[in-house]
Amino acid sequence: MVIIATVFASCSSEGPKEVKVGKSEKVVASFANGTPQIVRELKEVDGKLEAIYEKEYYDDGNLLKEGKISENQRHGEWKAYYRNGNLWNIGGFDHGVRADSISGYYPNGNIKYKGFYKEGQKSGTWEFFDENGKFTEKKIYMQPDEKREEQLTLPE
């Protein structure tokens, strides 16, 4: 049986937003108005509780970001949202460091950029788009230890 506690966030024109905190979750930070800011899902591992997932909220109760954690660090896929609930970006972390692919979006839902991180640094080909989703630019990011043999020329 799961027990759900309900916390009401600050009022808006649409009324208060509910933040539900389940039995296996813990509020680790709150706003001055009492609304949960950070909630972590806990799981028993080797006889002790460990955080495995984290959600961070705006002060009005809307979800800001969420993702997996391991050893109290972001690890795996994370998503961030605009206040209206639309996806802002989605990307990966490796023990607290940006890693793997990332995609960013405009508030209207269209793609803004997509690229890749390696050891916390932009790496490889990144593509950028305007608010209508039209491709605008491509950039190539090199790591300090990488060498490049050819020059890339893009058509205008």
C-alpha atoms as a PDB file:
ATOM      1  CA  MET A   1       0.000   0.000   0.000  1.00  0.00           C
ATOM      2  CA  VAL A   2       1.355   3.447  -0.929  1.00  0.00           C
ATOM      3  CA  ILE A   3       0.502   6.453   1.206  1.00  0.00           C
ATOM      4  CA  ILE A   4       0.383   9.788  -0.584  1.00  0.00           C
ATOM      5  CA  ALA A   5       0.829  13.088   1.226  1.00  0.00           C
ATOM      6  CA  THR A   6      -0.443  16.169  -0.565  1.00  0.00           C
ATOM      7  CA  VAL A   7       1.157  19.580  -0.322  1.00  0.00           C
ATOM      8  CA  PHE A   8      -0.470  22.617  -1.909  1.00  0.00           C
ATOM      9  CA  ALA A   9       1.775  25.112  -3.682  1.00  0.00           C
ATOM     10  CA  SER A  10       1.238  28.852  -3.890  1.00  0.00           C
ATOM     11  CA  CYS A  11      -1.942  29.990  -5.593  1.00  0.00           C
ATOM     12  CA  SER A  12      -2.005  31.031  -9.241  1.00  0.00           C
ATOM     13  CA  SER A  13      -4.839  32.044 -11.538  1.00  0.00           C
ATOM     14  CA  GLU A  14      -5.526  28.321 -12.033  1.00  0.00           C
ATOM     15  CA  GLY A  15      -5.488  27.544  -8.295  1.00  0.00           C
ATOM     16  CA  PRO A  16      -2.890  25.726  -6.242  1.00  0.00           C
ATOM     17  CA  LYS A  17      -0.744  23.017  -7.832  1.00  0.00           C
ATOM     18  CA  GLU A  18      -0.490  19.731  -5.920  1.00  0.00           C
ATOM     19  CA  VAL A  19       2.894  18.195  -5.220  1.00  0.00           C
ATOM     20  CA  LYS A  20       2.386  14.566  -4.213  1.00  0.00           C
ATOM     21  CA  VAL A  21       5.029  12.990  -2.016  1.00  0.00           C
ATOM     22  CA  GLY A  22       4.848   9.211  -1.816  1.00  0.00           C
ATOM     23  CA  LYS A  23       5.827   6.919   1.057  1.00  0.00           C
ATOM     24  CA  SER A  24       9.195   6.132  -0.538  1.00  0.00           C
ATOM     25  CA  GLU A  25       9.968   9.835  -1.140  1.00  0.00           C
ATOM     26  CA  LYS A  26      11.535  12.518   1.033  1.00  0.00           C
ATOM     27  CA  VAL A  27      11.362  16.315   0.737  1.00  0.00           C
ATOM     28  CA  VAL A  28      14.985  17.480   1.018  1.00  0.00           C
ATOM     29  CA  ALA A  29      14.448  21.205   0.331  1.00  0.00           C
ATOM     30  CA  SER A  30      11.438  23.525   0.455  1.00  0.00           C
ATOM     31  CA  PHE A  31      10.623  27.072  -0.571  1.00  0.00           C
ATOM     32  CA  ALA A  32       9.863  29.712   2.084  1.00  0.00           C
ATOM     33  CA  ASN A  33       6.132  29.172   1.418  1.00  0.00           C
ATOM     34  CA  GLY A  34       6.488  25.476   2.386  1.00  0.00           C
ATOM     35  CA  THR A  35       6.172  24.139  -1.160  1.00  0.00           C
ATOM     36  CA  PRO A  36       8.602  21.268  -1.805  1.00  0.00           C
ATOM     37  CA  GLN A  37      11.564  22.346  -3.947  1.00  0.00           C
ATOM     38  CA  ILE A  38      13.451  19.040  -4.148  1.00  0.00           C
ATOM     39  CA  VAL A  39      11.943  15.598  -3.588  1.00  0.00           C
ATOM     40  CA  ARG A  40      14.001  12.407  -3.719  1.00  0.00           C
ATOM     41  CA  GLU A  41      12.732   8.865  -4.188  1.00  0.00           C
ATOM     42  CA  LEU A  42      14.440   6.471  -1.804  1.00  0.00           C
ATOM     43  CA  LYS A  43      15.198   2.767  -2.095  1.00  0.00           C
ATOM     44  CA  GLU A  44      16.682   0.386   0.432  1.00  0.00           C
ATOM     45  CA  VAL A  45      20.128  -0.808  -0.682  1.00  0.00           C
ATOM     46  CA  ASP A  46      22.236  -3.013   1.612  1.00  0.00           C
ATOM     47  CA  GLY A  47      20.105  -2.124   4.620  1.00  0.00           C
ATOM     48  CA  LYS A  48      20.152   1.657   4.168  1.00  0.00           C
ATOM     49  CA  LEU A  49      18.024   4.119   2.237  1.00  0.00           C
ATOM     50  CA  GLU A  50      19.614   5.637  -0.872  1.00  0.00           C
ATOM     51  CA  ALA A  51      18.220   8.283  -3.209  1.00  0.00           C
ATOM     52  CA  ILE A  52      17.609   6.903  -6.694  1.00  0.00           C
ATOM     53  CA  TYR A  53      15.502   9.624  -8.352  1.00  0.00           C
ATOM     54  CA  GLU A  54      15.111  13.366  -7.862  1.00  0.00           C
ATOM     55  CA  LYS A  55      12.461  15.906  -8.811  1.00  0.00           C
ATOM     56  CA  GLU A  56      12.926  19.654  -8.498  1.00  0.00           C
ATOM     57  CA  TYR A  57       9.950  22.013  -8.607  1.00  0.00           C
ATOM     58  CA  TYR A  58       9.264  25.665  -9.356  1.00  0.00           C
ATOM     59  CA  ASP A  59       7.849  27.609  -6.394  1.00  0.00           C
ATOM     60  CA  ASP A  60       4.343  27.252  -7.860  1.00  0.00           C
ATOM     61  CA  GLY A  61       4.541  23.439  -7.740  1.00  0.00           C
ATOM     62  CA  ASN A  62       5.220  22.835 -11.435  1.00  0.00           C
ATOM     63  CA  LEU A  63       7.988  20.360 -12.229  1.00  0.00           C
ATOM     64  CA  LEU A  64      11.325  22.011 -13.153  1.00  0.00           C
ATOM     65  CA  LYS A  65      13.576  18.959 -13.656  1.00  0.00           C
ATOM     66  CA  GLU A  66      13.792  15.273 -12.901  1.00  0.00           C
ATOM     67  CA  GLY A  67      16.172  12.395 -13.273  1.00  0.00           C
ATOM     68  CA  LYS A  68      18.083   9.480 -11.828  1.00  0.00           C
ATOM     69  CA  ILE A  69      20.702   9.883  -9.144  1.00  0.00           C
ATOM     70  CA  SER A  70      23.400   7.600  -7.852  1.00  0.00           C
ATOM     71  CA  GLU A  71      25.612   8.306  -4.844  1.00  0.00           C
ATOM     72  CA  ASN A  72      23.860  11.703  -4.509  1.00  0.00           C
ATOM     73  CA  GLN A  73      24.882  12.763  -8.036  1.00  0.00           C
ATOM     74  CA  ARG A  74      22.948  13.060 -11.275  1.00  0.00           C
ATOM     75  CA  HIS A  75      23.474   9.862 -13.195  1.00  0.00           C
ATOM     76  CA  GLY A  76      21.605   8.847 -16.342  1.00  0.00           C
ATOM     77  CA  GLU A  77      18.871  10.717 -18.169  1.00  0.00           C
ATOM     78  CA  TRP A  78      17.636  14.086 -16.864  1.00  0.00           C
ATOM     79  CA  LYS A  79      14.794  16.238 -18.171  1.00  0.00           C
ATOM     80  CA  ALA A  80      14.120  19.927 -17.534  1.00  0.00           C
ATOM     81  CA  TYR A  81      10.804  21.669 -18.161  1.00  0.00           C
ATOM     82  CA  TYR A  82       9.545  25.171 -18.773  1.00  0.00           C
ATOM     83  CA  ARG A  83       7.085  26.450 -16.191  1.00  0.00           C
ATOM     84  CA  ASN A  84       4.231  25.631 -18.613  1.00  0.00           C
ATOM     85  CA  GLY A  85       5.243  21.940 -18.554  1.00  0.00           C
ATOM     86  CA  ASN A  86       6.819  21.795 -22.023  1.00  0.00           C
ATOM     87  CA  LEU A  87      10.156  20.012 -22.292  1.00  0.00           C
ATOM     88  CA  TRP A  88      13.140  22.413 -22.046  1.00  0.00           C
ATOM     89  CA  ASN A  89      15.944  19.876 -22.504  1.00  0.00           C
ATOM     90  CA  ILE A  90      16.846  16.249 -22.088  1.00  0.00           C
ATOM     91  CA  GLY A  91      20.348  14.949 -21.582  1.00  0.00           C
ATOM     92  CA  GLY A  92      22.603  12.557 -19.769  1.00  0.00           C
ATOM     93  CA  PHE A  93      24.909  12.668 -16.766  1.00  0.00           C
ATOM     94  CA  ASP A  94      27.678  10.355 -15.617  1.00  0.00           C
ATOM     95  CA  HIS A  95      28.175  10.663 -11.835  1.00  0.00           C
ATOM     96  CA  GLY A  96      27.351  14.389 -11.785  1.00  0.00           C
ATOM     97  CA  VAL A  97      29.125  15.317 -15.041  1.00  0.00           C
ATOM     98  CA  ARG A  98      27.312  16.095 -18.303  1.00  0.00           C
ATOM     99  CA  ALA A  99      27.726  13.159 -20.671  1.00  0.00           C
ATOM    100  CA  ASP A 100      26.128  11.685 -23.777  1.00  0.00           C
ATOM    101  CA  SER A 101      23.548  13.360 -25.985  1.00  0.00           C
ATOM    102  CA  ILE A 102      21.509  16.452 -25.162  1.00  0.00           C
ATOM    103  CA  SER A 103      18.585  18.092 -26.925  1.00  0.00           C
ATOM    104  CA  GLY A 104      17.094  21.488 -26.104  1.00  0.00           C
ATOM    105  CA  TYR A 105      13.689  22.834 -27.062  1.00  0.00           C
ATOM    106  CA  TYR A 106      11.953  26.182 -27.410  1.00  0.00           C
ATOM    107  CA  PRO A 107       8.859  26.842 -25.255  1.00  0.00           C
ATOM    108  CA  ASN A 108       6.731  26.061 -28.347  1.00  0.00           C
ATOM    109  CA  GLY A 109       8.159  22.500 -28.405  1.00  0.00           C
ATOM    110  CA  ASN A 110      10.367  22.882 -31.482  1.00  0.00           C
ATOM    111  CA  ILE A 111      13.951  21.664 -31.344  1.00  0.00           C
ATOM    112  CA  LYS A 112      16.486  24.379 -30.402  1.00  0.00           C
ATOM    113  CA  TYR A 113      19.738  22.392 -30.386  1.00  0.00           C
ATOM    114  CA  LYS A 114      21.122  18.892 -30.230  1.00  0.00           C
ATOM    115  CA  GLY A 115      24.613  17.791 -29.419  1.00  0.00           C
ATOM    116  CA  PHE A 116      26.847  15.659 -27.267  1.00  0.00           C
ATOM    117  CA  TYR A 117      28.860  16.032 -24.064  1.00  0.00           C
ATOM    118  CA  LYS A 118      32.033  14.155 -23.230  1.00  0.00           C
ATOM    119  CA  GLU A 119      33.397  14.441 -19.680  1.00  0.00           C
ATOM    120  CA  GLY A 120      31.401  17.633 -19.077  1.00  0.00           C
ATOM    121  CA  GLN A 121      32.527  19.414 -22.266  1.00  0.00           C
ATOM    122  CA  LYS A 122      30.668  19.980 -25.528  1.00  0.00           C
ATOM    123  CA  SER A 123      31.994  17.469 -28.010  1.00  0.00           C
ATOM    124  CA  GLY A 124      31.469  16.543 -31.650  1.00  0.00           C
ATOM    125  CA  THR A 125      28.792  17.973 -33.912  1.00  0.00           C
ATOM    126  CA  TRP A 126      26.142  20.285 -32.497  1.00  0.00           C
ATOM    127  CA  GLU A 127      23.188  21.482 -34.569  1.00  0.00           C
ATOM    128  CA  PHE A 128      21.142  24.603 -33.857  1.00  0.00           C
ATOM    129  CA  PHE A 129      17.645  25.553 -35.042  1.00  0.00           C
ATOM    130  CA  ASP A 130      15.408  28.631 -35.045  1.00  0.00           C
ATOM    131  CA  GLU A 131      12.049  28.787 -33.227  1.00  0.00           C
ATOM    132  CA  ASN A 132      10.291  27.353 -36.282  1.00  0.00           C
ATOM    133  CA  GLY A 133      12.533  24.267 -36.232  1.00  0.00           C
ATOM    134  CA  LYS A 134      14.608  25.336 -39.255  1.00  0.00           C
ATOM    135  CA  PHE A 135      18.290  24.373 -39.150  1.00  0.00           C
ATOM    136  CA  THR A 136      20.493  27.467 -38.671  1.00  0.00           C
ATOM    137  CA  GLU A 137      23.974  26.370 -37.711  1.00  0.00           C
ATOM    138  CA  LYS A 138      26.328  23.455 -37.161  1.00  0.00           C
ATOM    139  CA  LYS A 139      29.331  23.618 -34.830  1.00  0.00           C
ATOM    140  CA  ILE A 140      31.996  21.034 -34.165  1.00  0.00           C
ATOM    141  CA  TYR A 141      33.536  20.940 -30.704  1.00  0.00           C
ATOM    142  CA  MET A 142      36.865  19.220 -30.169  1.00  0.00           C
ATOM    143  CA  GLN A 143      38.320  17.961 -26.911  1.00  0.00           C
ATOM    144  CA  PRO A 144      41.781  19.316 -26.011  1.00  0.00           C
ATOM    145  CA  ASP A 145      43.375  15.913 -26.695  1.00  0.00           C
ATOM    146  CA  GLU A 146      41.647  15.389 -30.080  1.00  0.00           C
ATOM    147  CA  LYS A 147      43.200  16.196 -33.450  1.00  0.00           C
ATOM    148  CA  ARG A 148      41.372  17.069 -36.628  1.00  0.00           C
ATOM    149  CA  GLU A 149      42.650  16.071 -40.040  1.00  0.00           C
ATOM    150  CA  GLU A 150      40.124  17.820 -42.308  1.00  0.00           C
ATOM    151  CA  GLN A 151      38.452  21.220 -42.529  1.00  0.00           C
ATOM    152  CA  LEU A 152      34.652  21.302 -42.648  1.00  0.00           C
ATOM    153  CA  THR A 153      32.971  23.790 -44.977  1.00  0.00           C
ATOM    154  CA  LEU A 154      29.202  24.174 -44.780  1.00  0.00           C
ATOM    155  CA  PRO A 155      27.085  25.441 -47.707  1.00  0.00           C
ATOM    156  CA  GLU A 156      25.378  28.762 -47.120  1.00  0.00           C
END
